[in-house]
Amino acid sequence: MGFIFYLGMDYKVRLREESATTFNLMPFLIFITIFPVFIGFFLRFPKLIIEIKEKKQWSFDWIKVVAIGIPSLYIAMIPILSIYFGLNLLFAKEFLLLGDTTFTSTAGIVFGYVLLDSLKK
């Protein structure tokens, strides 16, 4: 897990440098949106494997996805959505003025974790 995180952060730095030289922000924005979701998947994956080994009926907790997952996905996707739709989105100006991706990355991790956590037996 730590090695994957290290490789992701190394790739993020390289994408940031490339986007600064080519003025093409889209690959960087897509990466900072999608990579934290995969980190959230990896954090929940060991428990999911344990649950898969149990032979029970599967269900999907859609209330958790709607209450926690969808808002966290929206926050995680604000950098990309603001490029396509402008700063007219709810809270887009506030998140982009911070200039830091910590909050959007945390929201992506939460979304990835909640998505796998909503699969229940």
N, C-alpha and C. Protein backbone atom coordinates (compact mmCIF):
# COMPACT_ATOMS: atom_id res chain seq x y z
N MET A 1 0.82 -1.19 0.00
CA MET A 1 0.00 0.00 0.00
C MET A 1 0.87 1.26 0.00
N GLY A 2 1.89 1.26 0.83
CA GLY A 2 2.79 2.40 0.88
C GLY A 2 3.55 2.62 -0.42
N PHE A 3 3.93 1.51 -1.07
CA PHE A 3 4.64 1.61 -2.34
C PHE A 3 3.74 2.19 -3.43
N ILE A 4 2.48 1.77 -3.46
CA ILE A 4 1.53 2.30 -4.44
C ILE A 4 1.31 3.79 -4.20
N PHE A 5 1.20 4.18 -2.93
CA PHE A 5 1.04 5.59 -2.61
C PHE A 5 2.27 6.39 -3.04
N TYR A 6 3.45 5.84 -2.80
CA TYR A 6 4.68 6.52 -3.22
C TYR A 6 4.74 6.70 -4.73
N LEU A 7 4.42 5.64 -5.47
CA LEU A 7 4.43 5.74 -6.93
C LEU A 7 3.41 6.76 -7.43
N GLY A 8 2.25 6.78 -6.79
CA GLY A 8 1.23 7.74 -7.19
C GLY A 8 1.65 9.17 -6.94
N MET A 9 2.27 9.42 -5.80
CA MET A 9 2.72 10.78 -5.50
C MET A 9 3.87 11.20 -6.41
N ASP A 10 4.74 10.26 -6.76
CA ASP A 10 5.81 10.55 -7.71
C ASP A 10 5.24 10.90 -9.08
N TYR A 11 4.26 10.15 -9.51
CA TYR A 11 3.61 10.42 -10.80
C TYR A 11 2.86 11.75 -10.76
N LYS A 12 2.27 12.09 -9.63
CA LYS A 12 1.58 13.36 -9.48
C LYS A 12 2.54 14.53 -9.66
N VAL A 13 3.72 14.42 -9.07
CA VAL A 13 4.72 15.48 -9.21
C VAL A 13 5.15 15.62 -10.66
N ARG A 14 5.33 14.50 -11.33
CA ARG A 14 5.74 14.54 -12.74
C ARG A 14 4.64 15.16 -13.61
N LEU A 15 3.39 14.80 -13.33
CA LEU A 15 2.28 15.39 -14.09
C LEU A 15 2.16 16.89 -13.83
N ARG A 16 2.39 17.31 -12.61
CA ARG A 16 2.33 18.74 -12.29
C ARG A 16 3.41 19.50 -13.05
N GLU A 17 4.62 18.94 -13.10
CA GLU A 17 5.70 19.60 -13.84
C GLU A 17 5.39 19.65 -15.33
N GLU A 18 4.85 18.56 -15.86
CA GLU A 18 4.51 18.52 -17.28
C GLU A 18 3.39 19.51 -17.61
N SER A 19 2.39 19.58 -16.73
CA SER A 19 1.29 20.51 -16.99
C SER A 19 1.74 21.96 -16.89
N ALA A 20 2.77 22.22 -16.09
CA ALA A 20 3.30 23.58 -16.00
C ALA A 20 4.06 23.97 -17.26
N THR A 21 4.66 23.01 -17.92
CA THR A 21 5.42 23.33 -19.13
C THR A 21 4.53 23.32 -20.38
N THR A 22 3.54 22.45 -20.42
CA THR A 22 2.70 22.35 -21.62
C THR A 22 1.38 23.11 -21.50
N PHE A 23 1.05 23.59 -20.32
CA PHE A 23 -0.20 24.29 -20.05
C PHE A 23 -1.44 23.43 -20.31
N ASN A 24 -1.26 22.12 -20.25
CA ASN A 24 -2.37 21.18 -20.39
C ASN A 24 -2.65 20.60 -19.00
N LEU A 25 -3.67 21.12 -18.34
CA LEU A 25 -3.97 20.72 -16.97
C LEU A 25 -4.80 19.44 -16.86
N MET A 26 -5.44 19.03 -17.94
CA MET A 26 -6.40 17.94 -17.84
C MET A 26 -5.80 16.62 -17.33
N PRO A 27 -4.63 16.14 -17.80
CA PRO A 27 -4.10 14.89 -17.24
C PRO A 27 -3.83 14.98 -15.74
N PHE A 28 -3.32 16.12 -15.29
CA PHE A 28 -3.05 16.32 -13.86
C PHE A 28 -4.36 16.31 -13.07
N LEU A 29 -5.38 17.01 -13.56
CA LEU A 29 -6.65 17.08 -12.85
C LEU A 29 -7.35 15.72 -12.80
N ILE A 30 -7.26 14.98 -13.88
CA ILE A 30 -7.86 13.64 -13.89
C ILE A 30 -7.15 12.74 -12.89
N PHE A 31 -5.82 12.83 -12.83
CA PHE A 31 -5.08 11.99 -11.89
C PHE A 31 -5.40 12.33 -10.45
N ILE A 32 -5.42 13.63 -10.10
CA ILE A 32 -5.68 13.99 -8.71
C ILE A 32 -7.13 13.71 -8.31
N THR A 33 -7.98 13.44 -9.28
CA THR A 33 -9.36 13.05 -8.99
C THR A 33 -9.49 11.54 -8.84
N ILE A 34 -8.85 10.78 -9.69
CA ILE A 34 -9.05 9.32 -9.73
C ILE A 34 -8.13 8.58 -8.76
N PHE A 35 -6.89 9.01 -8.59
CA PHE A 35 -5.95 8.28 -7.73
C PHE A 35 -6.44 8.14 -6.29
N PRO A 36 -6.98 9.19 -5.65
CA PRO A 36 -7.47 8.99 -4.28
C PRO A 36 -8.62 8.00 -4.18
N VAL A 37 -9.42 7.89 -5.22
CA VAL A 37 -10.50 6.89 -5.20
C VAL A 37 -9.90 5.49 -5.15
N PHE A 38 -8.84 5.25 -5.91
CA PHE A 38 -8.18 3.95 -5.87
C PHE A 38 -7.51 3.70 -4.52
N ILE A 39 -7.00 4.73 -3.89
CA ILE A 39 -6.45 4.58 -2.54
C ILE A 39 -7.56 4.16 -1.57
N GLY A 40 -8.73 4.77 -1.70
CA GLY A 40 -9.88 4.38 -0.87
C GLY A 40 -10.27 2.93 -1.11
N PHE A 41 -10.22 2.50 -2.39
CA PHE A 41 -10.48 1.09 -2.71
C PHE A 41 -9.49 0.18 -2.00
N PHE A 42 -8.20 0.54 -2.08
CA PHE A 42 -7.16 -0.29 -1.48
C PHE A 42 -7.27 -0.35 0.04
N LEU A 43 -7.74 0.73 0.65
CA LEU A 43 -7.91 0.72 2.10
C LEU A 43 -9.03 -0.22 2.54
N ARG A 44 -10.06 -0.35 1.74
CA ARG A 44 -11.21 -1.19 2.09
C ARG A 44 -11.07 -2.61 1.55
N PHE A 45 -10.18 -2.83 0.60
CA PHE A 45 -10.09 -4.11 -0.09
C PHE A 45 -9.80 -5.30 0.82
N PRO A 46 -8.89 -5.23 1.82
CA PRO A 46 -8.65 -6.41 2.66
C PRO A 46 -9.91 -6.88 3.40
N LYS A 47 -10.71 -5.95 3.90
CA LYS A 47 -11.93 -6.35 4.58
C LYS A 47 -12.95 -6.93 3.60
N LEU A 48 -12.95 -6.42 2.38
CA LEU A 48 -13.84 -6.96 1.36
C LEU A 48 -13.49 -8.40 1.03
N ILE A 49 -12.21 -8.72 0.99
CA ILE A 49 -11.77 -10.09 0.73
C ILE A 49 -12.27 -11.02 1.84
N ILE A 50 -12.20 -10.57 3.08
CA ILE A 50 -12.70 -11.38 4.19
C ILE A 50 -14.20 -11.59 4.06
N GLU A 51 -14.93 -10.55 3.65
CA GLU A 51 -16.37 -10.68 3.48
C GLU A 51 -16.72 -11.56 2.29
N ILE A 52 -15.90 -11.58 1.26
CA ILE A 52 -16.16 -12.43 0.09
C ILE A 52 -16.03 -13.90 0.47
N LYS A 53 -15.12 -14.22 1.38
CA LYS A 53 -14.93 -15.61 1.78
C LYS A 53 -16.13 -16.17 2.54
N GLU A 54 -16.93 -15.29 3.15
CA GLU A 54 -18.16 -15.74 3.80
C GLU A 54 -19.21 -15.98 2.73
N LYS A 55 -19.92 -17.05 2.83
CA LYS A 55 -20.91 -17.42 1.82
C LYS A 55 -22.29 -16.92 2.24
N LYS A 56 -22.55 -15.62 1.98
CA LYS A 56 -23.83 -15.02 2.34
C LYS A 56 -24.40 -14.27 1.14
N GLN A 57 -25.62 -13.80 1.30
CA GLN A 57 -26.29 -13.02 0.26
C GLN A 57 -25.72 -11.60 0.22
N TRP A 58 -25.44 -11.09 -0.97
CA TRP A 58 -24.89 -9.75 -1.13
C TRP A 58 -26.02 -8.73 -1.23
N SER A 59 -25.74 -7.52 -0.73
CA SER A 59 -26.67 -6.40 -0.88
C SER A 59 -25.87 -5.13 -1.09
N PHE A 60 -26.57 -4.06 -1.43
CA PHE A 60 -25.93 -2.78 -1.69
C PHE A 60 -26.60 -1.73 -0.83
N ASP A 61 -25.81 -1.05 0.00
CA ASP A 61 -26.33 -0.02 0.89
C ASP A 61 -26.37 1.31 0.14
N TRP A 62 -27.45 1.53 -0.57
CA TRP A 62 -27.57 2.72 -1.41
C TRP A 62 -27.74 4.00 -0.58
N ILE A 63 -28.25 3.87 0.63
CA ILE A 63 -28.39 5.05 1.49
C ILE A 63 -27.02 5.63 1.84
N LYS A 64 -26.05 4.76 2.13
CA LYS A 64 -24.69 5.20 2.43
C LYS A 64 -24.04 5.86 1.21
N VAL A 65 -24.31 5.30 0.04
CA VAL A 65 -23.74 5.87 -1.18
C VAL A 65 -24.34 7.24 -1.46
N VAL A 66 -25.66 7.37 -1.28
CA VAL A 66 -26.31 8.66 -1.54
C VAL A 66 -25.92 9.70 -0.49
N ALA A 67 -25.86 9.30 0.77
CA ALA A 67 -25.60 10.26 1.85
C ALA A 67 -24.13 10.65 1.96
N ILE A 68 -23.22 9.72 1.72
CA ILE A 68 -21.79 10.00 1.89
C ILE A 68 -21.04 9.95 0.56
N GLY A 69 -21.34 8.96 -0.25
CA GLY A 69 -20.58 8.75 -1.48
C GLY A 69 -20.76 9.82 -2.53
N ILE A 70 -21.99 10.19 -2.83
CA ILE A 70 -22.25 11.19 -3.87
C ILE A 70 -21.68 12.56 -3.50
N PRO A 71 -21.89 13.06 -2.26
CA PRO A 71 -21.26 14.35 -1.93
C PRO A 71 -19.73 14.31 -1.96
N SER A 72 -19.15 13.21 -1.51
CA SER A 72 -17.69 13.13 -1.55
C SER A 72 -17.18 13.02 -2.99
N LEU A 73 -17.93 12.35 -3.86
CA LEU A 73 -17.56 12.29 -5.27
C LEU A 73 -17.62 13.68 -5.89
N TYR A 74 -18.65 14.44 -5.54
CA TYR A 74 -18.76 15.81 -6.05
C TYR A 74 -17.58 16.66 -5.62
N ILE A 75 -17.20 16.57 -4.36
CA ILE A 75 -16.07 17.35 -3.86
C ILE A 75 -14.78 16.90 -4.53
N ALA A 76 -14.64 15.59 -4.74
CA ALA A 76 -13.42 15.09 -5.38
C ALA A 76 -13.33 15.52 -6.84
N MET A 77 -14.47 15.71 -7.50
CA MET A 77 -14.47 16.04 -8.92
C MET A 77 -14.56 17.54 -9.19
N ILE A 78 -14.53 18.36 -8.17
CA ILE A 78 -14.63 19.81 -8.37
C ILE A 78 -13.55 20.36 -9.30
N PRO A 79 -12.29 19.92 -9.22
CA PRO A 79 -11.31 20.48 -10.16
C PRO A 79 -11.66 20.22 -11.64
N ILE A 80 -12.12 19.02 -11.94
CA ILE A 80 -12.47 18.70 -13.33
C ILE A 80 -13.77 19.39 -13.73
N LEU A 81 -14.76 19.35 -12.86
CA LEU A 81 -16.04 19.97 -13.19
C LEU A 81 -15.92 21.48 -13.37
N SER A 82 -15.03 22.10 -12.62
CA SER A 82 -14.88 23.54 -12.75
C SER A 82 -14.23 23.91 -14.08
N ILE A 83 -13.43 23.05 -14.64
CA ILE A 83 -12.84 23.31 -15.96
C ILE A 83 -13.93 23.24 -17.03
N TYR A 84 -14.81 22.23 -16.93
CA TYR A 84 -15.84 22.05 -17.94
C TYR A 84 -17.02 23.01 -17.77
N PHE A 85 -17.41 23.27 -16.54
CA PHE A 85 -18.62 24.06 -16.30
C PHE A 85 -18.33 25.45 -15.73
N GLY A 86 -17.09 25.79 -15.52
CA GLY A 86 -16.74 27.09 -14.96
C GLY A 86 -16.88 27.10 -13.45
N LEU A 87 -16.75 28.26 -12.87
CA LEU A 87 -16.80 28.38 -11.42
C LEU A 87 -18.21 28.60 -10.92
N ASN A 88 -19.21 28.28 -11.71
CA ASN A 88 -20.60 28.46 -11.30
C ASN A 88 -21.12 27.30 -10.47
N LEU A 89 -20.31 26.32 -10.22
CA LEU A 89 -20.72 25.17 -9.42
C LEU A 89 -20.73 25.53 -7.94
N LEU A 90 -21.50 24.77 -7.19
CA LEU A 90 -21.59 24.98 -5.75
C LEU A 90 -20.24 24.70 -5.09
N PHE A 91 -19.69 25.63 -4.36
CA PHE A 91 -18.43 25.56 -3.62
C PHE A 91 -17.19 25.45 -4.51
N ALA A 92 -17.30 25.61 -5.80
CA ALA A 92 -16.13 25.47 -6.68
C ALA A 92 -15.11 26.56 -6.42
N LYS A 93 -15.56 27.78 -6.26
CA LYS A 93 -14.63 28.89 -6.03
C LYS A 93 -13.85 28.70 -4.73
N GLU A 94 -14.54 28.26 -3.70
CA GLU A 94 -13.90 28.10 -2.40
C GLU A 94 -12.80 27.04 -2.43
N PHE A 95 -13.08 25.91 -3.09
CA PHE A 95 -12.09 24.84 -3.14
C PHE A 95 -10.91 25.20 -4.02
N LEU A 96 -11.16 25.86 -5.13
CA LEU A 96 -10.07 26.20 -6.03
C LEU A 96 -9.23 27.36 -5.52
N LEU A 97 -9.82 28.24 -4.73
CA LEU A 97 -9.05 29.33 -4.16
C LEU A 97 -8.05 28.84 -3.12
N LEU A 98 -8.36 27.71 -2.50
CA LEU A 98 -7.42 27.14 -1.54
C LEU A 98 -6.12 26.73 -2.22
N GLY A 99 -6.22 26.27 -3.45
CA GLY A 99 -5.04 25.89 -4.20
C GLY A 99 -4.40 24.60 -3.74
N ASP A 100 -5.01 23.91 -2.80
CA ASP A 100 -4.47 22.68 -2.26
C ASP A 100 -5.41 21.54 -2.61
N THR A 101 -4.86 20.40 -2.90
CA THR A 101 -5.69 19.26 -3.28
C THR A 101 -5.97 18.32 -2.12
N THR A 102 -5.64 18.71 -0.90
CA THR A 102 -5.82 17.83 0.25
C THR A 102 -7.29 17.51 0.48
N PHE A 103 -8.14 18.51 0.44
CA PHE A 103 -9.55 18.28 0.72
C PHE A 103 -10.21 17.44 -0.37
N THR A 104 -9.89 17.72 -1.62
CA THR A 104 -10.47 16.92 -2.71
C THR A 104 -9.90 15.51 -2.70
N SER A 105 -8.64 15.35 -2.33
CA SER A 105 -8.06 14.00 -2.24
C SER A 105 -8.70 13.20 -1.11
N THR A 106 -8.94 13.85 0.02
CA THR A 106 -9.60 13.17 1.13
C THR A 106 -11.01 12.74 0.74
N ALA A 107 -11.71 13.60 0.01
CA ALA A 107 -13.05 13.25 -0.45
C ALA A 107 -13.00 12.07 -1.42
N GLY A 108 -11.98 11.99 -2.26
CA GLY A 108 -11.83 10.86 -3.17
C GLY A 108 -11.56 9.56 -2.42
N ILE A 109 -10.75 9.63 -1.38
CA ILE A 109 -10.48 8.44 -0.56
C ILE A 109 -11.76 7.98 0.13
N VAL A 110 -12.52 8.93 0.65
CA VAL A 110 -13.79 8.59 1.31
C VAL A 110 -14.74 7.95 0.31
N PHE A 111 -14.82 8.48 -0.91
CA PHE A 111 -15.72 7.90 -1.91
C PHE A 111 -15.32 6.48 -2.26
N GLY A 112 -14.02 6.24 -2.47
CA GLY A 112 -13.57 4.88 -2.80
C GLY A 112 -13.86 3.90 -1.68
N TYR A 113 -13.63 4.32 -0.45
CA TYR A 113 -13.88 3.46 0.70
C TYR A 113 -15.38 3.18 0.85
N VAL A 114 -16.20 4.21 0.74
CA VAL A 114 -17.65 4.05 0.92
C VAL A 114 -18.23 3.19 -0.20
N LEU A 115 -17.71 3.33 -1.39
CA LEU A 115 -18.23 2.52 -2.52
C LEU A 115 -18.04 1.03 -2.26
N LEU A 116 -16.87 0.64 -1.78
CA LEU A 116 -16.66 -0.77 -1.46
C LEU A 116 -17.33 -1.18 -0.15
N ASP A 117 -17.47 -0.23 0.78
CA ASP A 117 -18.10 -0.53 2.05
C ASP A 117 -19.60 -0.72 1.91
N SER A 118 -20.19 -0.15 0.88
CA SER A 118 -21.62 -0.28 0.69
C SER A 118 -22.02 -1.66 0.18
N LEU A 119 -21.05 -2.43 -0.29
CA LEU A 119 -21.33 -3.82 -0.66
C LEU A 119 -21.36 -4.65 0.61
N LYS A 120 -22.51 -5.14 0.96
CA LYS A 120 -22.68 -5.86 2.24
C LYS A 120 -23.17 -7.27 1.99
N LYS A 121 -22.90 -8.08 2.98
CA LYS A 121 -23.43 -9.44 2.98
C LYS A 121 -24.50 -9.53 4.02
